[in-house]
Amino acid sequence: MEELVALLVQLVLEVGLQIFGSLGFDFATESRNKKGDKGETREHDGCGWLVAFAVFGGICGGLSLIFAPKLLLPNIGLRVANLVCAPLVAGGVSYLVARHVWAPQGQSAGHHFWRGFWFALAFGLVRFAYATQR
């Protein structure tokens, strides 16, 4: 039971950091809508922003090692489960927040999943690789 609680705490910390830590960064990187040849609106969103979010996530993961160098999860199985689940949950929550906050203003929310996913994946990979056991 203690291991499950540790997994949930780790997941909430990573997802929470992604959501609240990147809100301002999200506003700065919003897609620019342009009119296509036939008058339809197209979004131009390069993969450069996904790389930027992954780098930002890795940096945040490295900084988190300064403040919390010890692992919360006691065994390798839970750490791997966290490495798989955290990016999916972070991306899903980022998408849902964007859809309900920004989509009513006419903006697409689809790219928010991938931004959250890559941020949380890089954050988790750095913690997975460099954090120490208790």
N, C-alpha and C. Protein backbone atom coordinates (compact mmCIF):
# COMPACT_ATOMS: atom_id res chain seq x y z
N MET A 1 0.82 -1.19 0.00
CA MET A 1 0.00 0.00 0.00
C MET A 1 0.87 1.26 0.00
N GLU A 2 1.97 1.19 0.74
CA GLU A 2 2.88 2.33 0.81
C GLU A 2 3.48 2.63 -0.56
N GLU A 3 3.74 1.59 -1.35
CA GLU A 3 4.30 1.77 -2.68
C GLU A 3 3.31 2.45 -3.62
N LEU A 4 2.04 2.12 -3.49
CA LEU A 4 1.01 2.75 -4.32
C LEU A 4 0.87 4.23 -3.98
N VAL A 5 0.93 4.56 -2.71
CA VAL A 5 0.85 5.96 -2.30
C VAL A 5 2.06 6.74 -2.82
N ALA A 6 3.23 6.12 -2.77
CA ALA A 6 4.44 6.77 -3.30
C ALA A 6 4.32 7.00 -4.80
N LEU A 7 3.75 6.04 -5.53
CA LEU A 7 3.55 6.20 -6.96
C LEU A 7 2.59 7.35 -7.25
N LEU A 8 1.51 7.43 -6.51
CA LEU A 8 0.54 8.51 -6.71
C LEU A 8 1.14 9.88 -6.38
N VAL A 9 1.92 9.97 -5.31
CA VAL A 9 2.57 11.24 -4.95
C VAL A 9 3.53 11.66 -6.05
N GLN A 10 4.33 10.74 -6.54
CA GLN A 10 5.28 11.05 -7.61
C GLN A 10 4.53 11.51 -8.87
N LEU A 11 3.47 10.83 -9.22
CA LEU A 11 2.69 11.17 -10.40
C LEU A 11 2.06 12.55 -10.26
N VAL A 12 1.49 12.84 -9.10
CA VAL A 12 0.86 14.15 -8.87
C VAL A 12 1.91 15.26 -8.91
N LEU A 13 3.08 15.03 -8.35
CA LEU A 13 4.13 16.05 -8.38
C LEU A 13 4.57 16.35 -9.80
N GLU A 14 4.78 15.32 -10.61
CA GLU A 14 5.24 15.54 -11.97
C GLU A 14 4.17 16.20 -12.84
N VAL A 15 2.95 15.73 -12.72
CA VAL A 15 1.86 16.32 -13.51
C VAL A 15 1.59 17.75 -13.05
N GLY A 16 1.59 17.97 -11.75
CA GLY A 16 1.36 19.32 -11.23
C GLY A 16 2.43 20.29 -11.67
N LEU A 17 3.68 19.87 -11.65
CA LEU A 17 4.77 20.73 -12.10
C LEU A 17 4.60 21.06 -13.57
N GLN A 18 4.21 20.08 -14.35
CA GLN A 18 4.03 20.33 -15.78
C GLN A 18 2.92 21.33 -16.03
N ILE A 19 1.80 21.16 -15.36
CA ILE A 19 0.66 22.03 -15.62
C ILE A 19 0.92 23.45 -15.14
N PHE A 20 1.34 23.59 -13.89
CA PHE A 20 1.50 24.93 -13.34
C PHE A 20 2.81 25.58 -13.75
N GLY A 21 3.81 24.80 -14.02
CA GLY A 21 5.10 25.35 -14.39
C GLY A 21 5.19 25.81 -15.83
N SER A 22 4.32 25.30 -16.68
CA SER A 22 4.44 25.65 -18.09
C SER A 22 3.27 26.45 -18.64
N LEU A 23 2.40 26.94 -17.78
CA LEU A 23 1.27 27.73 -18.28
C LEU A 23 1.73 28.98 -19.02
N GLY A 24 2.65 29.72 -18.43
CA GLY A 24 3.17 30.92 -19.11
C GLY A 24 3.93 30.57 -20.36
N PHE A 25 4.68 29.48 -20.32
CA PHE A 25 5.43 29.03 -21.49
C PHE A 25 4.47 28.62 -22.60
N ASP A 26 3.33 28.05 -22.22
CA ASP A 26 2.31 27.67 -23.19
C ASP A 26 1.74 28.88 -23.92
N PHE A 27 1.46 29.94 -23.17
CA PHE A 27 0.93 31.15 -23.80
C PHE A 27 1.91 31.72 -24.81
N ALA A 28 3.20 31.69 -24.48
CA ALA A 28 4.22 32.24 -25.36
C ALA A 28 4.41 31.41 -26.62
N THR A 29 4.04 30.15 -26.60
CA THR A 29 4.29 29.26 -27.74
C THR A 29 3.02 28.87 -28.46
N GLU A 30 1.96 29.60 -28.28
CA GLU A 30 0.70 29.26 -28.94
C GLU A 30 0.86 29.20 -30.45
N SER A 31 0.11 28.33 -31.07
CA SER A 31 0.12 28.18 -32.53
C SER A 31 -0.37 29.47 -33.18
N ARG A 32 0.19 29.75 -34.31
CA ARG A 32 -0.25 30.90 -35.09
C ARG A 32 -1.16 30.39 -36.20
N ASN A 33 -2.38 30.89 -36.22
CA ASN A 33 -3.33 30.47 -37.25
C ASN A 33 -3.10 31.29 -38.52
N LYS A 34 -3.11 30.62 -39.66
CA LYS A 34 -2.95 31.28 -40.95
C LYS A 34 -4.01 30.77 -41.90
N LYS A 35 -4.40 31.60 -42.83
CA LYS A 35 -5.39 31.22 -43.84
C LYS A 35 -4.71 30.43 -44.95
N GLY A 36 -5.34 29.35 -45.33
CA GLY A 36 -4.83 28.53 -46.42
C GLY A 36 -5.24 29.09 -47.77
N ASP A 37 -4.95 28.36 -48.85
CA ASP A 37 -5.27 28.79 -50.20
C ASP A 37 -6.77 28.92 -50.42
N LYS A 38 -7.54 28.07 -49.79
CA LYS A 38 -8.99 28.08 -50.02
C LYS A 38 -9.73 28.79 -48.89
N GLY A 39 -9.02 29.55 -48.07
CA GLY A 39 -9.66 30.31 -47.02
C GLY A 39 -9.82 29.59 -45.70
N GLU A 40 -9.40 28.30 -45.65
CA GLU A 40 -9.53 27.56 -44.40
C GLU A 40 -8.40 27.97 -43.44
N THR A 41 -8.66 27.84 -42.16
CA THR A 41 -7.66 28.18 -41.16
C THR A 41 -6.77 26.98 -40.92
N ARG A 42 -5.46 27.20 -40.97
CA ARG A 42 -4.50 26.14 -40.71
C ARG A 42 -3.59 26.56 -39.57
N GLU A 43 -3.19 25.59 -38.80
CA GLU A 43 -2.25 25.87 -37.72
C GLU A 43 -0.86 25.46 -38.16
N HIS A 44 0.10 26.31 -37.87
CA HIS A 44 1.49 26.00 -38.15
C HIS A 44 2.19 25.87 -36.81
N ASP A 45 2.56 24.68 -36.49
CA ASP A 45 3.18 24.41 -35.20
C ASP A 45 4.30 23.42 -35.44
N GLY A 46 5.52 23.88 -35.49
CA GLY A 46 6.64 23.00 -35.77
C GLY A 46 6.99 22.13 -34.59
N CYS A 47 7.82 21.13 -34.85
CA CYS A 47 8.24 20.22 -33.78
C CYS A 47 9.32 20.85 -32.92
N GLY A 48 9.77 22.03 -33.28
CA GLY A 48 10.77 22.72 -32.45
C GLY A 48 10.26 23.00 -31.06
N TRP A 49 8.96 23.31 -30.95
CA TRP A 49 8.40 23.57 -29.62
C TRP A 49 8.34 22.30 -28.78
N LEU A 50 8.16 21.17 -29.43
CA LEU A 50 8.16 19.90 -28.69
C LEU A 50 9.54 19.61 -28.13
N VAL A 51 10.56 19.91 -28.92
CA VAL A 51 11.94 19.75 -28.45
C VAL A 51 12.21 20.72 -27.31
N ALA A 52 11.70 21.94 -27.43
CA ALA A 52 11.89 22.95 -26.37
C ALA A 52 11.23 22.48 -25.07
N PHE A 53 10.05 21.91 -25.15
CA PHE A 53 9.38 21.42 -23.95
C PHE A 53 10.14 20.23 -23.36
N ALA A 54 10.70 19.37 -24.20
CA ALA A 54 11.48 18.24 -23.69
C ALA A 54 12.75 18.75 -22.99
N VAL A 55 13.41 19.72 -23.57
CA VAL A 55 14.61 20.30 -22.95
C VAL A 55 14.24 20.97 -21.63
N PHE A 56 13.16 21.73 -21.63
CA PHE A 56 12.68 22.40 -20.42
C PHE A 56 12.34 21.37 -19.34
N GLY A 57 11.72 20.26 -19.73
CA GLY A 57 11.41 19.19 -18.78
C GLY A 57 12.66 18.55 -18.22
N GLY A 58 13.66 18.33 -19.07
CA GLY A 58 14.93 17.78 -18.60
C GLY A 58 15.63 18.71 -17.63
N ILE A 59 15.60 20.00 -17.92
CA ILE A 59 16.21 20.98 -17.02
C ILE A 59 15.48 20.99 -15.68
N CYS A 60 14.15 20.98 -15.71
CA CYS A 60 13.37 20.94 -14.46
C CYS A 60 13.64 19.65 -13.69
N GLY A 61 13.78 18.54 -14.40
CA GLY A 61 14.11 17.27 -13.75
C GLY A 61 15.47 17.34 -13.08
N GLY A 62 16.44 17.96 -13.75
CA GLY A 62 17.77 18.14 -13.15
C GLY A 62 17.72 19.06 -11.93
N LEU A 63 16.96 20.14 -12.02
CA LEU A 63 16.82 21.05 -10.88
C LEU A 63 16.12 20.36 -9.71
N SER A 64 15.18 19.47 -10.02
CA SER A 64 14.48 18.77 -8.95
C SER A 64 15.42 17.86 -8.16
N LEU A 65 16.50 17.41 -8.81
CA LEU A 65 17.48 16.57 -8.13
C LEU A 65 18.24 17.34 -7.05
N ILE A 66 18.34 18.64 -7.22
CA ILE A 66 18.99 19.47 -6.21
C ILE A 66 18.16 19.49 -4.93
N PHE A 67 16.85 19.61 -5.09
CA PHE A 67 15.96 19.75 -3.95
C PHE A 67 15.46 18.40 -3.40
N ALA A 68 15.37 17.40 -4.25
CA ALA A 68 14.89 16.08 -3.83
C ALA A 68 15.70 15.00 -4.53
N PRO A 69 16.95 14.76 -4.09
CA PRO A 69 17.80 13.79 -4.78
C PRO A 69 17.42 12.33 -4.54
N LYS A 70 16.60 12.06 -3.55
CA LYS A 70 16.21 10.68 -3.23
C LYS A 70 14.94 10.30 -3.97
N LEU A 71 14.87 9.05 -4.38
CA LEU A 71 13.68 8.53 -5.06
C LEU A 71 12.56 8.30 -4.07
N LEU A 72 11.33 8.60 -4.47
CA LEU A 72 10.17 8.31 -3.64
C LEU A 72 9.70 6.87 -3.82
N LEU A 73 9.86 6.35 -5.01
CA LEU A 73 9.38 5.00 -5.31
C LEU A 73 10.42 3.96 -4.93
N PRO A 74 10.02 2.93 -4.18
CA PRO A 74 10.99 2.00 -3.60
C PRO A 74 11.58 0.96 -4.55
N ASN A 75 10.88 0.59 -5.62
CA ASN A 75 11.45 -0.47 -6.47
C ASN A 75 11.40 -0.08 -7.95
N ILE A 76 12.13 -0.81 -8.73
CA ILE A 76 12.29 -0.50 -10.15
C ILE A 76 10.99 -0.62 -10.93
N GLY A 77 10.15 -1.56 -10.57
CA GLY A 77 8.88 -1.74 -11.28
C GLY A 77 7.99 -0.51 -11.18
N LEU A 78 7.90 0.06 -9.99
CA LEU A 78 7.09 1.27 -9.82
C LEU A 78 7.71 2.47 -10.53
N ARG A 79 9.04 2.54 -10.56
CA ARG A 79 9.70 3.66 -11.25
C ARG A 79 9.47 3.58 -12.75
N VAL A 80 9.49 2.37 -13.30
CA VAL A 80 9.21 2.20 -14.74
C VAL A 80 7.74 2.51 -15.02
N ALA A 81 6.84 2.07 -14.14
CA ALA A 81 5.42 2.39 -14.31
C ALA A 81 5.20 3.90 -14.28
N ASN A 82 5.91 4.58 -13.39
CA ASN A 82 5.81 6.04 -13.33
C ASN A 82 6.35 6.67 -14.61
N LEU A 83 7.42 6.12 -15.13
CA LEU A 83 8.02 6.64 -16.36
C LEU A 83 7.07 6.49 -17.55
N VAL A 84 6.22 5.47 -17.53
CA VAL A 84 5.25 5.26 -18.60
C VAL A 84 3.98 6.08 -18.36
N CYS A 85 3.49 6.08 -17.13
CA CYS A 85 2.20 6.72 -16.83
C CYS A 85 2.26 8.24 -16.75
N ALA A 86 3.32 8.78 -16.15
CA ALA A 86 3.39 10.22 -15.93
C ALA A 86 3.28 11.03 -17.23
N PRO A 87 4.01 10.69 -18.30
CA PRO A 87 3.86 11.47 -19.53
C PRO A 87 2.46 11.38 -20.13
N LEU A 88 1.84 10.19 -20.06
CA LEU A 88 0.49 10.04 -20.60
C LEU A 88 -0.53 10.86 -19.80
N VAL A 89 -0.41 10.82 -18.48
CA VAL A 89 -1.32 11.59 -17.64
C VAL A 89 -1.08 13.09 -17.80
N ALA A 90 0.19 13.49 -17.82
CA ALA A 90 0.52 14.92 -17.98
C ALA A 90 0.00 15.44 -19.32
N GLY A 91 0.20 14.67 -20.38
CA GLY A 91 -0.31 15.08 -21.69
C GLY A 91 -1.82 15.14 -21.72
N GLY A 92 -2.47 14.15 -21.14
CA GLY A 92 -3.93 14.13 -21.11
C GLY A 92 -4.52 15.28 -20.31
N VAL A 93 -3.95 15.55 -19.15
CA VAL A 93 -4.44 16.66 -18.33
C VAL A 93 -4.16 17.99 -19.01
N SER A 94 -3.00 18.13 -19.63
CA SER A 94 -2.68 19.36 -20.36
C SER A 94 -3.67 19.58 -21.50
N TYR A 95 -4.00 18.52 -22.20
CA TYR A 95 -4.99 18.61 -23.29
C TYR A 95 -6.35 19.04 -22.75
N LEU A 96 -6.79 18.40 -21.66
CA LEU A 96 -8.10 18.73 -21.10
C LEU A 96 -8.17 20.17 -20.59
N VAL A 97 -7.11 20.62 -19.93
CA VAL A 97 -7.08 22.00 -19.45
C VAL A 97 -7.11 22.96 -20.63
N ALA A 98 -6.31 22.68 -21.65
CA ALA A 98 -6.28 23.55 -22.82
C ALA A 98 -7.62 23.55 -23.55
N ARG A 99 -8.24 22.40 -23.62
CA ARG A 99 -9.52 22.31 -24.34
C ARG A 99 -10.61 23.10 -23.65
N HIS A 100 -10.64 23.05 -22.32
CA HIS A 100 -11.70 23.74 -21.59
C HIS A 100 -11.38 25.19 -21.28
N VAL A 101 -10.10 25.58 -21.37
CA VAL A 101 -9.73 26.97 -21.09
C VAL A 101 -9.49 27.74 -22.38
N TRP A 102 -8.70 27.16 -23.31
CA TRP A 102 -8.33 27.90 -24.51
C TRP A 102 -9.21 27.59 -25.72
N ALA A 103 -9.76 26.39 -25.81
CA ALA A 103 -10.57 26.03 -26.97
C ALA A 103 -11.81 26.91 -27.12
N PRO A 104 -12.48 27.31 -26.03
CA PRO A 104 -13.63 28.20 -26.23
C PRO A 104 -13.24 29.53 -26.88
N GLN A 105 -11.98 29.89 -26.84
CA GLN A 105 -11.52 31.12 -27.47
C GLN A 105 -11.11 30.88 -28.92
N GLY A 106 -11.39 29.71 -29.44
CA GLY A 106 -11.12 29.41 -30.84
C GLY A 106 -9.76 28.81 -31.11
N GLN A 107 -9.03 28.41 -30.09
CA GLN A 107 -7.72 27.83 -30.30
C GLN A 107 -7.78 26.31 -30.17
N SER A 108 -6.94 25.64 -30.92
CA SER A 108 -6.89 24.18 -30.87
C SER A 108 -6.14 23.73 -29.63
N ALA A 109 -6.51 22.56 -29.10
CA ALA A 109 -5.86 22.04 -27.90
C ALA A 109 -5.05 20.78 -28.17
N GLY A 110 -5.04 20.30 -29.40
CA GLY A 110 -4.38 19.03 -29.71
C GLY A 110 -2.89 19.01 -29.45
N HIS A 111 -2.20 20.09 -29.73
CA HIS A 111 -0.75 20.11 -29.54
C HIS A 111 -0.36 20.14 -28.07
N HIS A 112 -1.28 20.49 -27.20
CA HIS A 112 -0.97 20.54 -25.77
C HIS A 112 -0.67 19.16 -25.20
N PHE A 113 -1.30 18.12 -25.73
CA PHE A 113 -0.99 16.77 -25.26
C PHE A 113 0.49 16.48 -25.45
N TRP A 114 1.01 16.75 -26.64
CA TRP A 114 2.39 16.41 -26.94
C TRP A 114 3.37 17.26 -26.16
N ARG A 115 3.03 18.51 -25.93
CA ARG A 115 3.90 19.36 -25.11
C ARG A 115 4.01 18.81 -23.70
N GLY A 116 2.87 18.47 -23.10
CA GLY A 116 2.87 17.90 -21.76
C GLY A 116 3.56 16.56 -21.71
N PHE A 117 3.34 15.74 -22.74
CA PHE A 117 3.95 14.42 -22.81
C PHE A 117 5.47 14.52 -22.82
N TRP A 118 6.03 15.33 -23.70
CA TRP A 118 7.49 15.41 -23.84
C TRP A 118 8.13 16.06 -22.62
N PHE A 119 7.46 17.06 -22.02
CA PHE A 119 7.97 17.67 -20.80
C PHE A 119 8.08 16.62 -19.70
N ALA A 120 6.98 15.90 -19.44
CA ALA A 120 6.96 14.92 -18.35
C ALA A 120 7.89 13.75 -18.64
N LEU A 121 8.02 13.34 -19.89
CA LEU A 121 8.92 12.24 -20.22
C LEU A 121 10.37 12.61 -19.94
N ALA A 122 10.79 13.78 -20.39
CA ALA A 122 12.16 14.22 -20.15
C ALA A 122 12.42 14.42 -18.65
N PHE A 123 11.45 15.00 -17.95
CA PHE A 123 11.56 15.18 -16.50
C PHE A 123 11.75 13.83 -15.82
N GLY A 124 10.90 12.87 -16.18
CA GLY A 124 10.97 11.54 -15.57
C GLY A 124 12.24 10.79 -15.93
N LEU A 125 12.70 10.93 -17.17
CA LEU A 125 13.93 10.24 -17.57
C LEU A 125 15.14 10.74 -16.79
N VAL A 126 15.22 12.05 -16.58
CA VAL A 126 16.34 12.60 -15.81
C VAL A 126 16.28 12.10 -14.37
N ARG A 127 15.10 12.12 -13.78
CA ARG A 127 14.96 11.63 -12.40
C ARG A 127 15.24 10.12 -12.33
N PHE A 128 14.79 9.39 -13.33
CA PHE A 128 14.99 7.94 -13.37
C PHE A 128 16.49 7.61 -13.45
N ALA A 129 17.21 8.37 -14.24
CA ALA A 129 18.62 8.10 -14.47
C ALA A 129 19.53 8.56 -13.33
N TYR A 130 19.21 9.69 -12.70
CA TYR A 130 20.17 10.29 -11.80
C TYR A 130 19.76 10.36 -10.33
N ALA A 131 18.52 10.09 -9.99
CA ALA A 131 18.12 10.15 -8.58
C ALA A 131 18.71 8.95 -7.83
N THR A 132 18.93 9.12 -6.55
CA THR A 132 19.52 8.06 -5.74
C THR A 132 18.46 7.39 -4.90
N GLN A 133 18.72 6.15 -4.51
CA GLN A 133 17.78 5.41 -3.65
C GLN A 133 17.89 5.94 -2.23
N ARG A 134 16.86 5.66 -1.44
CA ARG A 134 16.83 6.14 -0.05
C ARG A 134 17.98 5.63 0.74
